[in-house]
Amino acid sequence: MVKLLGFLIGVVVVVGLAGYIFYFQRNNPKKIVEYGRTESKSHYSPHKNVTVRTRRVKQAHLDYWEVEIAKDVWIDCAGDCGEAYRTSKSDFWEHQQIEAP
């Protein structure tokens, strides 16, 4: 009985959180403030330096930068757009090969 109650409370919390996220997204659409570019330098291949598109986005009280990793696919920069691009795109497979057992 206690396990079932805990499970039901967990489901209610998850559904409530998902509902709030959808409500926030719907009532606070992203506004693209500006576009820019940054350079991403590979750690594994010196010839793999690329210039990538970035954009500044405002959503409600949030203000952040995103980097484009593929056509119309944007990810959060988390402070460093060049590093975000490098770790998710240009050096991803090289890093996976090094970390493989």
Protein backbone atom coordinates (compact mmCIF):
# COMPACT_ATOMS: atom_id res chain seq x y z
CA MET A 1 0.00 0.00 0.00
CA VAL A 2 2.82 2.41 0.90
CA LYS A 3 4.69 1.58 -2.32
CA LEU A 4 1.57 2.25 -4.40
CA LEU A 5 1.00 5.57 -2.64
CA GLY A 6 4.62 6.59 -3.28
CA PHE A 7 4.29 5.62 -6.93
CA LEU A 8 1.07 7.62 -7.33
CA ILE A 9 2.63 10.69 -5.71
CA GLY A 10 5.59 10.37 -8.07
CA VAL A 11 3.29 10.17 -11.10
CA VAL A 12 1.35 13.24 -9.95
CA VAL A 13 4.60 15.21 -9.48
CA VAL A 14 5.94 14.22 -12.92
CA VAL A 15 2.65 15.05 -14.66
CA GLY A 16 2.42 18.38 -12.81
CA LEU A 17 5.99 19.30 -13.74
CA ALA A 18 5.42 18.37 -17.39
CA GLY A 19 2.24 20.45 -17.42
CA TYR A 20 4.09 23.46 -16.03
CA ILE A 21 6.86 23.11 -18.63
CA PHE A 22 4.33 23.00 -21.48
CA TYR A 23 2.45 25.96 -19.99
CA PHE A 24 5.69 27.96 -19.71
CA GLN A 25 6.72 27.13 -23.31
CA ARG A 26 3.33 28.07 -24.69
CA ASN A 27 2.99 31.37 -22.84
CA ASN A 28 6.64 32.44 -23.23
CA PRO A 29 7.78 31.79 -26.80
CA LYS A 30 11.44 32.13 -27.72
CA LYS A 31 12.45 35.48 -29.19
CA ILE A 32 15.65 35.53 -31.22
CA VAL A 33 17.42 38.77 -30.36
CA GLU A 34 20.53 38.53 -32.52
CA TYR A 35 22.71 36.20 -34.59
CA GLY A 36 26.48 35.83 -34.48
CA ARG A 37 29.37 33.50 -35.25
CA THR A 38 32.07 31.82 -33.24
CA GLU A 39 35.04 29.62 -34.03
CA SER A 40 35.34 26.08 -32.73
CA LYS A 41 38.79 24.50 -32.56
CA SER A 42 39.23 20.75 -32.46
CA HIS A 43 41.38 19.27 -29.69
CA TYR A 44 42.19 16.17 -31.73
CA SER A 45 42.64 17.49 -35.30
CA PRO A 46 44.24 20.93 -35.72
CA HIS A 47 42.80 21.25 -39.24
CA LYS A 48 39.21 20.89 -37.95
CA ASN A 49 38.63 24.54 -37.04
CA VAL A 50 35.17 25.69 -38.11
CA THR A 51 33.12 28.86 -37.83
CA VAL A 52 29.60 28.17 -36.61
CA ARG A 53 26.43 30.22 -36.27
CA THR A 54 25.18 31.35 -32.87
CA ARG A 55 22.09 33.16 -31.73
CA ARG A 56 20.98 35.00 -28.60
CA VAL A 57 17.57 33.96 -27.33
CA LYS A 58 15.23 35.55 -24.77
CA GLN A 59 12.41 33.57 -23.24
CA ALA A 60 10.49 35.15 -20.35
CA HIS A 61 13.25 36.16 -17.88
CA LEU A 62 15.87 33.88 -19.49
CA ASP A 63 18.58 35.26 -21.78
CA TYR A 64 21.01 32.75 -23.32
CA TRP A 65 23.06 31.82 -26.39
CA GLU A 66 22.62 28.80 -28.65
CA VAL A 67 24.92 27.27 -31.27
CA GLU A 68 23.77 25.55 -34.47
CA ILE A 69 25.11 21.97 -34.72
CA ALA A 70 23.18 21.07 -37.90
CA LYS A 71 20.72 22.88 -40.15
CA ASP A 72 18.07 24.33 -37.83
CA VAL A 73 19.26 22.24 -34.86
CA TRP A 74 20.32 24.49 -31.98
CA ILE A 75 21.73 23.61 -28.54
CA ASP A 76 22.42 25.74 -25.49
CA CYS A 77 25.97 27.10 -25.32
CA ALA A 78 26.25 26.84 -21.52
CA GLY A 79 28.68 29.76 -21.49
CA ASP A 80 31.03 28.76 -24.33
CA CYS A 81 29.51 28.26 -27.79
CA GLY A 82 32.74 27.04 -29.39
CA GLU A 83 33.19 24.41 -26.68
CA ALA A 84 29.53 23.33 -26.89
CA TYR A 85 29.87 22.79 -30.65
CA ARG A 86 33.20 20.98 -30.29
CA THR A 87 32.00 18.52 -27.65
CA SER A 88 28.69 17.77 -29.38
CA LYS A 89 29.79 17.70 -33.00
CA SER A 90 33.39 18.03 -34.19
CA ASP A 91 35.24 16.05 -31.48
CA PHE A 92 32.40 13.77 -30.41
CA TRP A 93 33.50 10.56 -32.15
CA GLU A 94 37.20 11.07 -31.43
CA HIS A 95 36.35 11.42 -27.73
CA GLN A 96 34.19 8.28 -27.85
CA GLN A 97 37.09 6.27 -29.32
CA ILE A 98 39.47 7.43 -26.60
CA GLU A 99 36.98 6.70 -23.79
CA ALA A 100 36.04 3.26 -25.13
CA PRO A 101 37.31 0.34 -23.03
